[in-house]
C-alpha atoms as a PDB file:
ATOM      1  CA  UNK A   1     -51.608 -39.669  27.688  1.00  0.00           C
ATOM      2  CA  UNK A   2     -50.338 -37.236  24.956  1.00  0.00           C
ATOM      3  CA  UNK A   3     -46.944 -37.484  23.820  1.00  0.00           C
ATOM      4  CA  UNK A   4     -44.452 -34.592  23.838  1.00  0.00           C
ATOM      5  CA  UNK A   5     -41.775 -33.370  21.438  1.00  0.00           C
ATOM      6  CA  UNK A   6     -38.286 -32.447  22.810  1.00  0.00           C
ATOM      7  CA  UNK A   7     -35.721 -30.689  20.875  1.00  0.00           C
ATOM      8  CA  UNK A   8     -31.785 -29.787  21.173  1.00  0.00           C
ATOM      9  CA  UNK A   9     -31.225 -26.528  19.540  1.00  0.00           C
ATOM     10  CA  UNK A  10     -27.686 -27.260  18.803  1.00  0.00           C
ATOM     11  CA  UNK A  11     -24.995 -25.376  17.225  1.00  0.00           C
ATOM     12  CA  UNK A  12     -24.323 -27.939  14.839  1.00  0.00           C
ATOM     13  CA  UNK A  13     -27.560 -30.134  14.560  1.00  0.00           C
ATOM     14  CA  UNK A  14     -31.011 -29.858  15.350  1.00  0.00           C
ATOM     15  CA  UNK A  15     -32.280 -32.941  17.209  1.00  0.00           C
ATOM     16  CA  UNK A  16     -36.005 -33.751  18.223  1.00  0.00           C
ATOM     17  CA  UNK A  17     -37.722 -36.672  19.654  1.00  0.00           C
ATOM     18  CA  UNK A  18     -41.265 -37.575  20.595  1.00  0.00           C
ATOM     19  CA  UNK A  19     -41.253 -38.920  23.975  1.00  0.00           C
ATOM     20  CA  UNK A  20     -43.521 -40.506  26.763  1.00  0.00           C
ATOM     21  CA  UNK A  21     -42.921 -38.041  29.570  1.00  0.00           C
ATOM     22  CA  UNK A  22     -44.259 -40.644  32.099  1.00  0.00           C
ATOM     23  CA  UNK A  23     -41.339 -43.370  31.210  1.00  0.00           C
ATOM     24  CA  UNK A  24     -38.785 -41.138  29.632  1.00  0.00           C
ATOM     25  CA  UNK A  25     -39.010 -43.320  26.464  1.00  0.00           C
ATOM     26  CA  UNK A  26     -37.920 -41.987  23.190  1.00  0.00           C
ATOM     27  CA  UNK A  27     -40.754 -43.170  20.595  1.00  0.00           C
ATOM     28  CA  UNK A  28     -39.256 -41.379  17.325  1.00  0.00           C
ATOM     29  CA  UNK A  29     -36.457 -39.031  16.638  1.00  0.00           C
ATOM     30  CA  UNK A  30     -35.024 -37.224  13.922  1.00  0.00           C
ATOM     31  CA  UNK A  31     -31.983 -34.885  13.491  1.00  0.00           C
ATOM     32  CA  UNK A  32     -30.941 -32.402  10.799  1.00  0.00           C
ATOM     33  CA  UNK A  33     -27.906 -29.761  10.323  1.00  0.00           C
ATOM     34  CA  UNK A  34     -28.868 -26.601  12.390  1.00  0.00           C
ATOM     35  CA  UNK A  35     -27.086 -24.341   9.420  1.00  0.00           C
ATOM     36  CA  UNK A  36     -26.940 -21.565  11.966  1.00  0.00           C
ATOM     37  CA  UNK A  37     -25.016 -19.475   9.298  1.00  0.00           C
ATOM     38  CA  UNK A  38     -28.285 -18.960   7.498  1.00  0.00           C
ATOM     39  CA  UNK A  39     -29.673 -16.762  10.328  1.00  0.00           C
ATOM     40  CA  UNK A  40     -32.175 -16.995  12.941  1.00  0.00           C
ATOM     41  CA  UNK A  41     -35.378 -16.808  10.833  1.00  0.00           C
ATOM     42  CA  UNK A  42     -34.223 -19.700   8.589  1.00  0.00           C
ATOM     43  CA  UNK A  43     -33.218 -21.879  11.569  1.00  0.00           C
ATOM     44  CA  UNK A  44     -36.556 -21.348  13.620  1.00  0.00           C
ATOM     45  CA  UNK A  45     -38.443 -22.295  10.100  1.00  0.00           C
ATOM     46  CA  UNK A  46     -36.370 -25.455  10.056  1.00  0.00           C
ATOM     47  CA  UNK A  47     -37.143 -26.134  13.546  1.00  0.00           C
ATOM     48  CA  UNK A  48     -40.841 -25.954  13.056  1.00  0.00           C
ATOM     49  CA  UNK A  49     -40.805 -27.978   9.796  1.00  0.00           C
ATOM     50  CA  UNK A  50     -38.635 -30.668  11.731  1.00  0.00           C
ATOM     51  CA  UNK A  51     -41.339 -30.897  14.212  1.00  0.00           C
ATOM     52  CA  UNK A  52     -44.128 -31.175  11.783  1.00  0.00           C
ATOM     53  CA  UNK A  53     -42.113 -33.950   9.699  1.00  0.00           C
ATOM     54  CA  UNK A  54     -41.451 -35.705  12.962  1.00  0.00           C
ATOM     55  CA  UNK A  55     -45.105 -36.185  13.618  1.00  0.00           C
ATOM     56  CA  UNK A  56     -45.984 -37.286  10.206  1.00  0.00           C
ATOM     57  CA  UNK A  57     -43.015 -39.860  10.013  1.00  0.00           C
ATOM     58  CA  UNK A  58     -44.212 -41.196  13.476  1.00  0.00           C
ATOM     59  CA  UNK A  59     -47.511 -41.783  12.089  1.00  0.00           C
ATOM     60  CA  UNK A  60     -49.197 -39.397  14.443  1.00  0.00           C
ATOM     61  CA  UNK A  61     -51.351 -36.425  14.394  1.00  0.00           C
ATOM     62  CA  UNK A  62     -50.634 -32.962  15.763  1.00  0.00           C
ATOM     63  CA  UNK A  63     -53.659 -33.620  18.202  1.00  0.00           C
ATOM     64  CA  UNK A  64     -51.440 -36.463  19.713  1.00  0.00           C
ATOM     65  CA  UNK A  65     -48.809 -34.036  20.736  1.00  0.00           C
ATOM     66  CA  UNK A  66     -49.240 -32.381  24.035  1.00  0.00           C
ATOM     67  CA  UNK A  67     -46.512 -29.757  23.381  1.00  0.00           C
ATOM     68  CA  UNK A  68     -42.908 -28.898  22.505  1.00  0.00           C
ATOM     69  CA  UNK A  69     -39.948 -28.172  24.594  1.00  0.00           C
ATOM     70  CA  UNK A  70     -36.789 -26.740  23.297  1.00  0.00           C
ATOM     71  CA  UNK A  71     -33.198 -27.033  24.959  1.00  0.00           C
ATOM     72  CA  UNK A  72     -31.540 -23.647  23.818  1.00  0.00           C
ATOM     73  CA  UNK A  73     -27.717 -23.206  24.316  1.00  0.00           C
ATOM     74  CA  UNK A  74     -27.559 -19.706  26.096  1.00  0.00           C
ATOM     75  CA  UNK A  75     -29.351 -17.230  27.962  1.00  0.00           C
ATOM     76  CA  UNK A  76     -33.136 -16.873  27.849  1.00  0.00           C
ATOM     77  CA  UNK A  77     -36.036 -14.752  29.125  1.00  0.00           C
ATOM     78  CA  UNK A  78     -38.222 -17.749  30.395  1.00  0.00           C
ATOM     79  CA  UNK A  79     -41.112 -15.427  30.992  1.00  0.00           C
ATOM     80  CA  UNK A  80     -41.067 -14.032  27.404  1.00  0.00           C
ATOM     81  CA  UNK A  81     -39.946 -17.130  25.692  1.00  0.00           C
ATOM     82  CA  UNK A  82     -37.084 -15.221  24.196  1.00  0.00           C
ATOM     83  CA  UNK A  83     -33.361 -16.054  23.454  1.00  0.00           C
ATOM     84  CA  UNK A  84     -31.201 -13.256  24.761  1.00  0.00           C
ATOM     85  CA  UNK A  85     -27.806 -14.572  24.243  1.00  0.00           C
ATOM     86  CA  UNK A  86     -26.471 -17.621  22.466  1.00  0.00           C
ATOM     87  CA  UNK A  87     -22.743 -17.306  22.226  1.00  0.00           C
ATOM     88  CA  UNK A  88     -22.246 -20.311  19.887  1.00  0.00           C
ATOM     89  CA  UNK A  89     -24.862 -19.530  17.116  1.00  0.00           C
ATOM     90  CA  UNK A  90     -23.923 -16.629  14.596  1.00  0.00           C
ATOM     91  CA  UNK A  91     -25.840 -13.462  15.541  1.00  0.00           C
ATOM     92  CA  UNK A  92     -26.064 -14.524  19.110  1.00  0.00           C
ATOM     93  CA  UNK A  93     -29.937 -14.367  18.817  1.00  0.00           C
ATOM     94  CA  UNK A  94     -30.791 -11.308  20.980  1.00  0.00           C
ATOM     95  CA  UNK A  95     -34.323 -10.867  22.046  1.00  0.00           C
ATOM     96  CA  UNK A  96     -35.798 -13.132  19.533  1.00  0.00           C
ATOM     97  CA  UNK A  97     -39.308 -14.672  20.333  1.00  0.00           C
ATOM     98  CA  UNK A  98     -38.344 -18.050  19.529  1.00  0.00           C
ATOM     99  CA  UNK A  99     -41.395 -19.595  21.847  1.00  0.00           C
ATOM    100  CA  UNK A 100     -43.896 -17.583  20.099  1.00  0.00           C
ATOM    101  CA  UNK A 101     -42.525 -18.170  16.516  1.00  0.00           C
ATOM    102  CA  UNK A 102     -42.792 -22.073  17.112  1.00  0.00           C
ATOM    103  CA  UNK A 103     -46.408 -21.869  18.295  1.00  0.00           C
ATOM    104  CA  UNK A 104     -47.238 -19.851  15.445  1.00  0.00           C
ATOM    105  CA  UNK A 105     -45.547 -21.895  12.738  1.00  0.00           C
ATOM    106  CA  UNK A 106     -46.653 -25.319  14.323  1.00  0.00           C
ATOM    107  CA  UNK A 107     -49.853 -24.569  16.267  1.00  0.00           C
ATOM    108  CA  UNK A 108     -48.635 -26.305  19.398  1.00  0.00           C
ATOM    109  CA  UNK A 109     -47.846 -25.133  22.835  1.00  0.00           C
ATOM    110  CA  UNK A 110     -44.081 -24.503  23.395  1.00  0.00           C
ATOM    111  CA  UNK A 111     -41.606 -23.945  26.292  1.00  0.00           C
ATOM    112  CA  UNK A 112     -38.056 -22.945  26.388  1.00  0.00           C
ATOM    113  CA  UNK A 113     -35.128 -23.941  28.810  1.00  0.00           C
ATOM    114  CA  UNK A 114     -31.341 -23.863  28.716  1.00  0.00           C
ATOM    115  CA  UNK A 115     -30.156 -27.110  26.993  1.00  0.00           C
ATOM    116  CA  UNK A 116     -28.001 -28.294  29.972  1.00  0.00           C
ATOM    117  CA  UNK A 117     -30.596 -27.459  32.525  1.00  0.00           C
ATOM    118  CA  UNK A 118     -32.948 -29.466  30.252  1.00  0.00           C
ATOM    119  CA  UNK A 119     -30.282 -32.424  30.416  1.00  0.00           C
ATOM    120  CA  UNK A 120     -30.060 -32.056  34.056  1.00  0.00           C
ATOM    121  CA  UNK A 121     -33.620 -32.459  34.721  1.00  0.00           C
ATOM    122  CA  UNK A 122     -34.025 -35.451  32.223  1.00  0.00           C
ATOM    123  CA  UNK A 123     -31.016 -37.146  33.976  1.00  0.00           C
ATOM    124  CA  UNK A 124     -32.593 -36.677  37.370  1.00  0.00           C
ATOM    125  CA  UNK A 125     -36.049 -38.099  36.146  1.00  0.00           C
ATOM    126  CA  UNK A 126     -35.000 -40.989  34.091  1.00  0.00           C
ATOM    127  CA  UNK A 127     -31.025 -41.397  33.859  1.00  0.00           C
ATOM    128  CA  UNK A 128     -27.889 -41.469  35.911  1.00  0.00           C
ATOM    129  CA  UNK A 129     -29.416 -39.000  38.860  1.00  0.00           C
ATOM    130  CA  UNK A 130     -32.511 -41.067  39.365  1.00  0.00           C
ATOM    131  CA  UNK A 131     -33.196 -41.656  42.968  1.00  0.00           C
ATOM    132  CA  UNK A 132     -31.204 -39.116  44.377  1.00  0.00           C
ATOM    133  CA  UNK A 133     -31.973 -35.543  45.958  1.00  0.00           C
ATOM    134  CA  UNK A 134     -28.944 -33.455  44.449  1.00  0.00           C
ATOM    135  CA  UNK A 135     -27.238 -33.933  41.002  1.00  0.00           C
ATOM    136  CA  UNK A 136     -24.838 -31.656  39.181  1.00  0.00           C
ATOM    137  CA  UNK A 137     -24.481 -32.083  35.272  1.00  0.00           C
ATOM    138  CA  UNK A 138     -21.670 -30.841  33.024  1.00  0.00           C
ATOM    139  CA  UNK A 139     -22.000 -31.085  29.288  1.00  0.00           C
ATOM    140  CA  UNK A 140     -19.052 -30.714  26.949  1.00  0.00           C
ATOM    141  CA  UNK A 141     -19.791 -30.011  23.155  1.00  0.00           C
ATOM    142  CA  UNK A 142     -19.875 -27.024  20.983  1.00  0.00           C
ATOM    143  CA  UNK A 143     -19.654 -25.336  24.347  1.00  0.00           C
ATOM    144  CA  UNK A 144     -19.880 -26.049  27.910  1.00  0.00           C
ATOM    145  CA  UNK A 145     -22.791 -25.804  30.171  1.00  0.00           C
ATOM    146  CA  UNK A 146     -24.158 -27.112  33.622  1.00  0.00           C
ATOM    147  CA  UNK A 147     -27.141 -27.588  35.501  1.00  0.00           C
ATOM    148  CA  UNK A 148     -28.084 -28.510  39.157  1.00  0.00           C
ATOM    149  CA  UNK A 149     -30.916 -30.347  40.866  1.00  0.00           C
ATOM    150  CA  UNK A 150     -31.002 -29.405  44.690  1.00  0.00           C
ATOM    151  CA  UNK A 151     -33.071 -31.121  47.239  1.00  0.00           C
ATOM    152  CA  UNK A 152     -35.239 -32.459  44.416  1.00  0.00           C
ATOM    153  CA  UNK A 153     -35.840 -29.326  42.549  1.00  0.00           C
ATOM    154  CA  UNK A 154     -34.278 -27.908  39.439  1.00  0.00           C
ATOM    155  CA  UNK A 155     -32.260 -25.006  40.344  1.00  0.00           C
ATOM    156  CA  UNK A 156     -32.434 -22.092  37.953  1.00  0.00           C
ATOM    157  CA  UNK A 157     -31.264 -19.151  39.921  1.00  0.00           C
ATOM    158  CA  UNK A 158     -31.114 -15.854  38.818  1.00  0.00           C
ATOM    159  CA  UNK A 159     -32.023 -15.370  35.017  1.00  0.00           C
ATOM    160  CA  UNK A 160     -31.993 -19.300  34.898  1.00  0.00           C
ATOM    161  CA  UNK A 161     -28.151 -19.470  34.706  1.00  0.00           C
ATOM    162  CA  UNK A 162     -27.585 -21.496  37.860  1.00  0.00           C
ATOM    163  CA  UNK A 163     -24.859 -24.298  37.343  1.00  0.00           C
ATOM    164  CA  UNK A 164     -23.520 -22.379  34.275  1.00  0.00           C
ATOM    165  CA  UNK A 165     -19.687 -23.455  34.186  1.00  0.00           C
ATOM    166  CA  UNK A 166     -18.367 -22.657  30.620  1.00  0.00           C
ATOM    167  CA  UNK A 167     -18.323 -19.113  31.101  1.00  0.00           C
ATOM    168  CA  UNK A 168     -16.381 -19.036  34.285  1.00  0.00           C
ATOM    169  CA  UNK A 169     -13.379 -16.948  33.900  1.00  0.00           C
ATOM    170  CA  UNK A 170     -10.126 -19.043  34.708  1.00  0.00           C
ATOM    171  CA  UNK A 171      -7.568 -16.863  33.205  1.00  0.00           C
ATOM    172  CA  UNK A 172      -8.133 -13.055  32.753  1.00  0.00           C
ATOM    173  CA  UNK A 173      -5.388 -12.880  30.085  1.00  0.00           C
ATOM    174  CA  UNK A 174      -6.855 -16.171  28.140  1.00  0.00           C
ATOM    175  CA  UNK A 175      -8.158 -16.355  24.534  1.00  0.00           C
ATOM    176  CA  UNK A 176     -11.228 -14.559  23.670  1.00  0.00           C
ATOM    177  CA  UNK A 177     -14.489 -16.707  24.132  1.00  0.00           C
ATOM    178  CA  UNK A 178     -17.549 -16.677  21.966  1.00  0.00           C
ATOM    179  CA  UNK A 179     -19.414 -14.950  24.864  1.00  0.00           C
ATOM    180  CA  UNK A 180     -17.128 -11.877  24.455  1.00  0.00           C
ATOM    181  CA  UNK A 181     -15.308 -12.518  27.643  1.00  0.00           C
ATOM    182  CA  UNK A 182     -11.541 -13.713  28.041  1.00  0.00           C
ATOM    183  CA  UNK A 183     -10.349 -16.784  29.494  1.00  0.00           C
ATOM    184  CA  UNK A 184     -13.676 -18.769  30.023  1.00  0.00           C
ATOM    185  CA  UNK A 185     -13.429 -22.501  30.520  1.00  0.00           C
ATOM    186  CA  UNK A 186     -15.194 -22.796  27.346  1.00  0.00           C
ATOM    187  CA  UNK A 187     -12.235 -21.342  25.505  1.00  0.00           C
ATOM    188  CA  UNK A 188      -9.909 -23.951  26.582  1.00  0.00           C
ATOM    189  CA  UNK A 189     -11.960 -26.949  27.260  1.00  0.00           C
ATOM    190  CA  UNK A 190     -14.991 -27.134  24.783  1.00  0.00           C
ATOM    191  CA  UNK A 191     -14.782 -29.698  21.651  1.00  0.00           C
ATOM    192  CA  UNK A 192     -13.883 -26.906  19.065  1.00  0.00           C
ATOM    193  CA  UNK A 193     -11.076 -25.479  21.439  1.00  0.00           C
ATOM    194  CA  UNK A 194      -9.580 -28.777  22.170  1.00  0.00           C
ATOM    195  CA  UNK A 195      -9.497 -29.683  18.504  1.00  0.00           C
ATOM    196  CA  UNK A 196      -8.099 -26.202  17.564  1.00  0.00           C
ATOM    197  CA  UNK A 197      -5.180 -26.660  20.255  1.00  0.00           C
ATOM    198  CA  UNK A 198      -4.363 -29.911  18.720  1.00  0.00           C
ATOM    199  CA  UNK A 199      -4.343 -28.912  15.081  1.00  0.00           C
ATOM    200  CA  UNK A 200      -2.061 -25.878  16.300  1.00  0.00           C
ATOM    201  CA  UNK A 201       0.209 -28.255  17.932  1.00  0.00           C
ATOM    202  CA  UNK A 202       0.379 -30.550  14.846  1.00  0.00           C
ATOM    203  CA  UNK A 203       0.974 -27.508  12.604  1.00  0.00           C
ATOM    204  CA  UNK A 204       4.238 -26.703  14.871  1.00  0.00           C
ATOM    205  CA  UNK A 205       5.491 -30.179  14.466  1.00  0.00           C
ATOM    206  CA  UNK A 206       4.627 -31.464  17.853  1.00  0.00           C
ATOM    207  CA  UNK A 207       4.286 -35.505  17.919  1.00  0.00           C
ATOM    208  CA  UNK A 208       0.698 -36.914  18.616  1.00  0.00           C
ATOM    209  CA  UNK A 209       1.845 -37.920  21.922  1.00  0.00           C
ATOM    210  CA  UNK A 210       3.005 -34.432  22.641  1.00  0.00           C
ATOM    211  CA  UNK A 211      -0.143 -32.923  21.597  1.00  0.00           C
ATOM    212  CA  UNK A 212      -2.059 -35.060  24.071  1.00  0.00           C
ATOM    213  CA  UNK A 213       0.116 -33.912  26.807  1.00  0.00           C
ATOM    214  CA  UNK A 214      -0.109 -30.255  25.663  1.00  0.00           C
ATOM    215  CA  UNK A 215      -4.072 -30.571  25.686  1.00  0.00           C
ATOM    216  CA  UNK A 216      -3.963 -32.211  29.329  1.00  0.00           C
ATOM    217  CA  UNK A 217      -1.773 -29.577  30.856  1.00  0.00           C
ATOM    218  CA  UNK A 218      -3.718 -26.381  29.250  1.00  0.00           C
ATOM    219  CA  UNK A 219      -7.084 -28.063  30.369  1.00  0.00           C
ATOM    220  CA  UNK A 220      -5.714 -29.088  33.809  1.00  0.00           C
ATOM    221  CA  UNK A 221      -6.595 -32.837  33.307  1.00  0.00           C
ATOM    222  CA  UNK A 222      -3.223 -33.809  34.454  1.00  0.00           C
ATOM    223  CA  UNK A 223      -4.149 -32.785  37.952  1.00  0.00           C
ATOM    224  CA  UNK A 224      -5.417 -35.356  40.383  1.00  0.00           C
END
């Protein structure tokens, strides 16, 4: 059976791996910086080069690869294979033909799915959710995302956004989020948001223990 390439288009790094989709085993993997500030064209070219380099370094040929799946941190048009809105990448990537660009540059079939919906499906098939009918997954990193498997089916919902947690508003008067909204969960509890909160507290002369308390109170993690 042919192997497949899975890729995580992250705000910080591009991670790609050749996998056995029957067992979930990762056969070979590589990671490079995304360098999103260089623009979408440069990032897409870097992705394609990464896939071809991955195949070569694994001692395989393109003919050994059945296709590419890319987990994308944002809103997609799944039918057209376009990115619609990526809040944590410069330029937000509006209506960009990511799928067709990668197909053109690599010559391999390519599919897109939101990154955390991809994680959700992977955990359900091969990881912590294996053997159960319903799973909820929430991922915290550069942003915050979510995904759902309900009754043995990956639930995408309207526009493929089901399970999205990071851009739910929890404070209408809160700080501006990368999506343009105010007071999103992501604006408080993402990795960069927590780090910025800590740095601000330290600059104000608050002790380390107090900083931890401030972060717990601000993110609600002190509640039972």
